[in-house]
Amino acid sequence: MISFLHSRFNRISAREKWMLLAFLWVLAFIWWGNVRQRQAAYSDRARTAAATLKEQTAWFNESPMIDAGIQAAMSRLQSQPSYGGGELAGQIDGFIRELGLNGDLGAPRAQTGEIFNVHSVKLRIRRATLQDLIKFDDKLRGRSPYLNLESFSLRPDTTDPIYLDAQLSIQSLELKHAF
């Protein structure tokens, strides 16, 4: 076989020999380029895998602290009451009466979800001082994360600008399942 190829190679002209050599070089470069592409793709995948492994190792090393944080958050969720629609209206009405505010409370609305229900109620407070509204806000913040102020608008009273009229939308979260 080799002698046959050698005899065929000796019969071709010098120009054809140079063309054959150039063709073989082109094939070698194409093959080498393909090898380099595969090697670069392998290197990229190896770097990505190493970075993922490093990130997962960090998560696994931090798992005791993460678990402790989750347990602390869960204990806070379980230790505080959640409010349904009627309980939300009753709680807000209690705040209004306790602070001596003049307010109109709307009917509660509910949005159901898989983990918790969101209840909201509209409240209109008339002729209140800024200090009274700040005290009301402090009461709401004390019940967080189960009572939240969704929206708030404030206007001066038309008859006496010392007093303020406020419109609030308050939300409550009612957990469906115990954790």
C-alpha atoms as a PDB file:
ATOM      1  CA  MET A   1       0.000   0.000   0.000  1.00  0.00           C
ATOM      2  CA  ILE A   2       2.780   2.414   0.911  1.00  0.00           C
ATOM      3  CA  SER A   3       4.722   1.581  -2.212  1.00  0.00           C
ATOM      4  CA  PHE A   4       1.618   2.241  -4.311  1.00  0.00           C
ATOM      5  CA  LEU A   5       1.146   5.675  -2.702  1.00  0.00           C
ATOM      6  CA  HIS A   6       4.859   6.425  -3.100  1.00  0.00           C
ATOM      7  CA  SER A   7       4.788   5.555  -6.798  1.00  0.00           C
ATOM      8  CA  ARG A   8       1.653   7.692  -7.347  1.00  0.00           C
ATOM      9  CA  PHE A   9       3.252  10.604  -5.485  1.00  0.00           C
ATOM     10  CA  ASN A  10       6.379  10.404  -7.652  1.00  0.00           C
ATOM     11  CA  ARG A  11       4.332  10.502 -10.866  1.00  0.00           C
ATOM     12  CA  ILE A  12       2.549  13.812 -10.125  1.00  0.00           C
ATOM     13  CA  SER A  13       4.039  17.162 -11.041  1.00  0.00           C
ATOM     14  CA  ALA A  14       5.693  19.575  -8.577  1.00  0.00           C
ATOM     15  CA  ARG A  15       2.729  21.929  -8.756  1.00  0.00           C
ATOM     16  CA  GLU A  16       0.333  19.110  -7.814  1.00  0.00           C
ATOM     17  CA  LYS A  17       2.677  18.095  -4.987  1.00  0.00           C
ATOM     18  CA  TRP A  18       2.520  21.657  -3.561  1.00  0.00           C
ATOM     19  CA  MET A  19      -1.277  21.695  -3.934  1.00  0.00           C
ATOM     20  CA  LEU A  20      -1.521  18.331  -2.142  1.00  0.00           C
ATOM     21  CA  LEU A  21       0.732  19.612   0.622  1.00  0.00           C
ATOM     22  CA  ALA A  22      -1.387  22.802   0.954  1.00  0.00           C
ATOM     23  CA  PHE A  23      -4.564  20.695   1.046  1.00  0.00           C
ATOM     24  CA  LEU A  24      -3.128  18.489   3.796  1.00  0.00           C
ATOM     25  CA  TRP A  25      -2.133  21.609   5.776  1.00  0.00           C
ATOM     26  CA  VAL A  26      -5.703  22.986   5.437  1.00  0.00           C
ATOM     27  CA  LEU A  27      -7.110  19.680   6.699  1.00  0.00           C
ATOM     28  CA  ALA A  28      -4.675  19.744   9.621  1.00  0.00           C
ATOM     29  CA  PHE A  29      -5.701  23.314  10.528  1.00  0.00           C
ATOM     30  CA  ILE A  30      -9.404  22.438  10.336  1.00  0.00           C
ATOM     31  CA  TRP A  31      -8.820  19.404  12.543  1.00  0.00           C
ATOM     32  CA  TRP A  32      -6.769  21.467  15.017  1.00  0.00           C
ATOM     33  CA  GLY A  33      -9.457  24.185  15.130  1.00  0.00           C
ATOM     34  CA  ASN A  34     -12.081  21.546  15.892  1.00  0.00           C
ATOM     35  CA  VAL A  35      -9.899  20.116  18.679  1.00  0.00           C
ATOM     36  CA  ARG A  36      -9.423  23.635  20.145  1.00  0.00           C
ATOM     37  CA  GLN A  37     -13.187  24.317  20.069  1.00  0.00           C
ATOM     38  CA  ARG A  38     -13.921  21.087  21.915  1.00  0.00           C
ATOM     39  CA  GLN A  39     -11.182  21.836  24.432  1.00  0.00           C
ATOM     40  CA  ALA A  40     -12.557  25.372  25.015  1.00  0.00           C
ATOM     41  CA  ALA A  41     -16.094  24.026  25.495  1.00  0.00           C
ATOM     42  CA  TYR A  42     -14.771  21.432  27.947  1.00  0.00           C
ATOM     43  CA  SER A  43     -12.848  24.116  29.848  1.00  0.00           C
ATOM     44  CA  ASP A  44     -15.959  26.319  30.074  1.00  0.00           C
ATOM     45  CA  ARG A  45     -18.049  23.429  31.387  1.00  0.00           C
ATOM     46  CA  ALA A  46     -15.317  22.532  33.888  1.00  0.00           C
ATOM     47  CA  ARG A  47     -15.127  26.146  35.137  1.00  0.00           C
ATOM     48  CA  THR A  48     -18.924  26.320  35.452  1.00  0.00           C
ATOM     49  CA  ALA A  49     -19.014  23.021  37.331  1.00  0.00           C
ATOM     50  CA  ALA A  50     -16.241  24.205  39.680  1.00  0.00           C
ATOM     51  CA  ALA A  51     -18.089  27.462  40.383  1.00  0.00           C
ATOM     52  CA  THR A  52     -21.342  25.578  41.006  1.00  0.00           C
ATOM     53  CA  LEU A  53     -19.557  23.163  43.318  1.00  0.00           C
ATOM     54  CA  LYS A  54     -18.014  26.054  45.237  1.00  0.00           C
ATOM     55  CA  GLU A  55     -21.408  27.758  45.598  1.00  0.00           C
ATOM     56  CA  GLN A  56     -23.117  24.550  46.709  1.00  0.00           C
ATOM     57  CA  THR A  57     -20.346  23.862  49.206  1.00  0.00           C
ATOM     58  CA  ALA A  58     -20.838  27.339  50.656  1.00  0.00           C
ATOM     59  CA  TRP A  59     -24.593  26.702  50.946  1.00  0.00           C
ATOM     60  CA  PHE A  60     -24.004  23.345  52.631  1.00  0.00           C
ATOM     61  CA  ASN A  61     -21.513  24.899  55.051  1.00  0.00           C
ATOM     62  CA  GLU A  62     -24.030  27.639  55.927  1.00  0.00           C
ATOM     63  CA  SER A  63     -26.971  25.241  56.303  1.00  0.00           C
ATOM     64  CA  PRO A  64     -26.954  25.207  60.147  1.00  0.00           C
ATOM     65  CA  MET A  65     -27.185  29.017  60.239  1.00  0.00           C
ATOM     66  CA  ILE A  66     -29.849  29.026  57.521  1.00  0.00           C
ATOM     67  CA  ASP A  67     -31.873  26.404  59.405  1.00  0.00           C
ATOM     68  CA  ALA A  68     -31.579  28.413  62.622  1.00  0.00           C
ATOM     69  CA  GLY A  69     -32.764  31.554  60.819  1.00  0.00           C
ATOM     70  CA  ILE A  70     -35.709  29.688  59.337  1.00  0.00           C
ATOM     71  CA  GLN A  71     -36.651  28.248  62.721  1.00  0.00           C
ATOM     72  CA  ALA A  72     -36.455  31.700  64.320  1.00  0.00           C
ATOM     73  CA  ALA A  73     -38.656  33.163  61.582  1.00  0.00           C
ATOM     74  CA  MET A  74     -41.114  30.276  61.917  1.00  0.00           C
ATOM     75  CA  SER A  75     -41.338  30.742  65.680  1.00  0.00           C
ATOM     76  CA  ARG A  76     -42.132  34.431  65.176  1.00  0.00           C
ATOM     77  CA  LEU A  77     -44.835  33.522  62.674  1.00  0.00           C
ATOM     78  CA  GLN A  78     -46.364  30.950  64.991  1.00  0.00           C
ATOM     79  CA  SER A  79     -46.210  33.065  68.127  1.00  0.00           C
ATOM     80  CA  GLN A  80     -48.211  35.963  66.686  1.00  0.00           C
ATOM     81  CA  PRO A  81     -51.843  35.733  65.735  1.00  0.00           C
ATOM     82  CA  SER A  82     -52.994  36.030  62.149  1.00  0.00           C
ATOM     83  CA  TYR A  83     -56.122  37.980  61.383  1.00  0.00           C
ATOM     84  CA  GLY A  84     -59.117  37.045  59.260  1.00  0.00           C
ATOM     85  CA  GLY A  85     -61.405  39.677  57.748  1.00  0.00           C
ATOM     86  CA  GLY A  86     -63.594  40.119  60.837  1.00  0.00           C
ATOM     87  CA  GLU A  87     -60.625  40.044  63.183  1.00  0.00           C
ATOM     88  CA  LEU A  88     -58.906  42.716  61.056  1.00  0.00           C
ATOM     89  CA  ALA A  89     -61.934  45.012  61.274  1.00  0.00           C
ATOM     90  CA  GLY A  90     -62.219  44.391  65.023  1.00  0.00           C
ATOM     91  CA  GLN A  91     -58.527  45.082  65.624  1.00  0.00           C
ATOM     92  CA  ILE A  92     -58.608  48.340  63.624  1.00  0.00           C
ATOM     93  CA  ASP A  93     -61.812  49.414  65.357  1.00  0.00           C
ATOM     94  CA  GLY A  94     -60.113  48.742  68.716  1.00  0.00           C
ATOM     95  CA  PHE A  95     -57.165  50.943  67.682  1.00  0.00           C
ATOM     96  CA  ILE A  96     -59.535  53.742  66.657  1.00  0.00           C
ATOM     97  CA  ARG A  97     -61.453  53.596  69.927  1.00  0.00           C
ATOM     98  CA  GLU A  98     -58.290  53.332  72.040  1.00  0.00           C
ATOM     99  CA  LEU A  99     -56.794  56.439  70.426  1.00  0.00           C
ATOM    100  CA  GLY A 100     -60.102  58.340  70.414  1.00  0.00           C
ATOM    101  CA  LEU A 101     -60.112  58.883  66.651  1.00  0.00           C
ATOM    102  CA  ASN A 102     -63.130  59.668  64.513  1.00  0.00           C
ATOM    103  CA  GLY A 103     -63.065  57.111  61.707  1.00  0.00           C
ATOM    104  CA  ASP A 104     -65.226  55.174  59.261  1.00  0.00           C
ATOM    105  CA  LEU A 105     -64.275  51.596  58.662  1.00  0.00           C
ATOM    106  CA  GLY A 106     -65.207  49.871  55.399  1.00  0.00           C
ATOM    107  CA  ALA A 107     -66.118  46.230  54.922  1.00  0.00           C
ATOM    108  CA  PRO A 108     -63.199  43.809  54.721  1.00  0.00           C
ATOM    109  CA  ARG A 109     -62.258  42.304  51.343  1.00  0.00           C
ATOM    110  CA  ALA A 110     -60.396  39.013  50.931  1.00  0.00           C
ATOM    111  CA  GLN A 111     -58.001  37.491  48.410  1.00  0.00           C
ATOM    112  CA  THR A 112     -57.365  33.797  48.874  1.00  0.00           C
ATOM    113  CA  GLY A 113     -54.013  32.144  48.241  1.00  0.00           C
ATOM    114  CA  GLU A 114     -52.405  28.749  48.748  1.00  0.00           C
ATOM    115  CA  ILE A 115     -50.429  29.563  51.894  1.00  0.00           C
ATOM    116  CA  PHE A 116     -52.259  32.576  53.278  1.00  0.00           C
ATOM    117  CA  ASN A 117     -55.280  34.810  52.696  1.00  0.00           C
ATOM    118  CA  VAL A 118     -54.876  38.558  52.318  1.00  0.00           C
ATOM    119  CA  HIS A 119     -57.645  40.649  53.867  1.00  0.00           C
ATOM    120  CA  SER A 120     -57.878  44.391  53.351  1.00  0.00           C
ATOM    121  CA  VAL A 121     -60.035  47.128  54.799  1.00  0.00           C
ATOM    122  CA  LYS A 122     -60.409  50.822  53.959  1.00  0.00           C
ATOM    123  CA  LEU A 123     -60.346  53.332  56.809  1.00  0.00           C
ATOM    124  CA  ARG A 124     -61.181  57.018  56.704  1.00  0.00           C
ATOM    125  CA  ILE A 125     -60.092  59.112  59.677  1.00  0.00           C
ATOM    126  CA  ARG A 126     -61.461  62.668  60.037  1.00  0.00           C
ATOM    127  CA  ARG A 127     -60.119  65.599  62.050  1.00  0.00           C
ATOM    128  CA  ALA A 128     -57.057  63.902  63.577  1.00  0.00           C
ATOM    129  CA  THR A 129     -53.781  65.468  64.622  1.00  0.00           C
ATOM    130  CA  LEU A 130     -50.493  64.345  63.171  1.00  0.00           C
ATOM    131  CA  GLN A 131     -49.523  62.863  66.558  1.00  0.00           C
ATOM    132  CA  ASP A 132     -52.691  60.746  66.614  1.00  0.00           C
ATOM    133  CA  LEU A 133     -51.911  59.400  63.131  1.00  0.00           C
ATOM    134  CA  ILE A 134     -48.335  58.601  64.169  1.00  0.00           C
ATOM    135  CA  LYS A 135     -49.647  56.717  67.231  1.00  0.00           C
ATOM    136  CA  PHE A 136     -52.043  54.792  64.978  1.00  0.00           C
ATOM    137  CA  ASP A 137     -49.159  53.897  62.653  1.00  0.00           C
ATOM    138  CA  ASP A 138     -47.105  52.723  65.645  1.00  0.00           C
ATOM    139  CA  LYS A 139     -49.976  50.435  66.656  1.00  0.00           C
ATOM    140  CA  LEU A 140     -50.012  48.936  63.161  1.00  0.00           C
ATOM    141  CA  ARG A 141     -46.232  48.470  63.133  1.00  0.00           C
ATOM    142  CA  GLY A 142     -46.498  46.604  66.418  1.00  0.00           C
ATOM    143  CA  ARG A 143     -48.643  43.969  64.676  1.00  0.00           C
ATOM    144  CA  SER A 144     -46.286  43.528  61.710  1.00  0.00           C
ATOM    145  CA  PRO A 145     -45.987  41.305  59.623  1.00  0.00           C
ATOM    146  CA  TYR A 146     -49.666  40.418  60.022  1.00  0.00           C
ATOM    147  CA  LEU A 147     -51.018  43.969  59.755  1.00  0.00           C
ATOM    148  CA  ASN A 148     -49.589  46.250  57.084  1.00  0.00           C
ATOM    149  CA  LEU A 149     -50.398  49.688  55.802  1.00  0.00           C
ATOM    150  CA  GLU A 150     -51.078  49.227  52.090  1.00  0.00           C
ATOM    151  CA  SER A 151     -51.833  52.824  51.100  1.00  0.00           C
ATOM    152  CA  PHE A 152     -52.112  56.141  52.853  1.00  0.00           C
ATOM    153  CA  SER A 153     -53.340  59.555  51.744  1.00  0.00           C
ATOM    154  CA  LEU A 154     -53.402  62.668  53.871  1.00  0.00           C
ATOM    155  CA  ARG A 155     -55.223  66.002  53.418  1.00  0.00           C
ATOM    156  CA  PRO A 156     -55.713  68.974  55.691  1.00  0.00           C
ATOM    157  CA  ASP A 157     -59.189  69.427  57.094  1.00  0.00           C
ATOM    158  CA  THR A 158     -61.111  72.042  55.087  1.00  0.00           C
ATOM    159  CA  THR A 159     -62.481  73.847  58.151  1.00  0.00           C
ATOM    160  CA  ASP A 160     -59.338  73.803  60.329  1.00  0.00           C
ATOM    161  CA  PRO A 161     -55.928  73.084  58.747  1.00  0.00           C
ATOM    162  CA  ILE A 162     -54.484  72.000  62.112  1.00  0.00           C
ATOM    163  CA  TYR A 163     -56.456  68.772  61.779  1.00  0.00           C
ATOM    164  CA  LEU A 164     -55.925  66.193  59.077  1.00  0.00           C
ATOM    165  CA  ASP A 165     -58.152  63.818  57.151  1.00  0.00           C
ATOM    166  CA  ALA A 166     -56.558  60.481  56.264  1.00  0.00           C
ATOM    167  CA  GLN A 167     -57.588  57.590  54.058  1.00  0.00           C
ATOM    168  CA  LEU A 168     -55.835  54.301  54.726  1.00  0.00           C
ATOM    169  CA  SER A 169     -55.941  50.828  53.272  1.00  0.00           C
ATOM    170  CA  ILE A 170     -54.790  48.182  55.747  1.00  0.00           C
ATOM    171  CA  GLN A 171     -53.957  44.573  54.957  1.00  0.00           C
ATOM    172  CA  SER A 172     -53.761  41.512  57.141  1.00  0.00           C
ATOM    173  CA  LEU A 173     -52.327  38.093  56.440  1.00  0.00           C
ATOM    174  CA  GLU A 174     -54.171  35.022  57.615  1.00  0.00           C
ATOM    175  CA  LEU A 175     -52.092  31.858  57.558  1.00  0.00           C
ATOM    176  CA  LYS A 176     -53.992  28.842  56.296  1.00  0.00           C
ATOM    177  CA  HIS A 177     -51.666  26.165  57.655  1.00  0.00           C
ATOM    178  CA  ALA A 178     -49.614  25.855  60.789  1.00  0.00           C
ATOM    179  CA  PHE A 179     -45.909  25.345  60.148  1.00  0.00           C
END
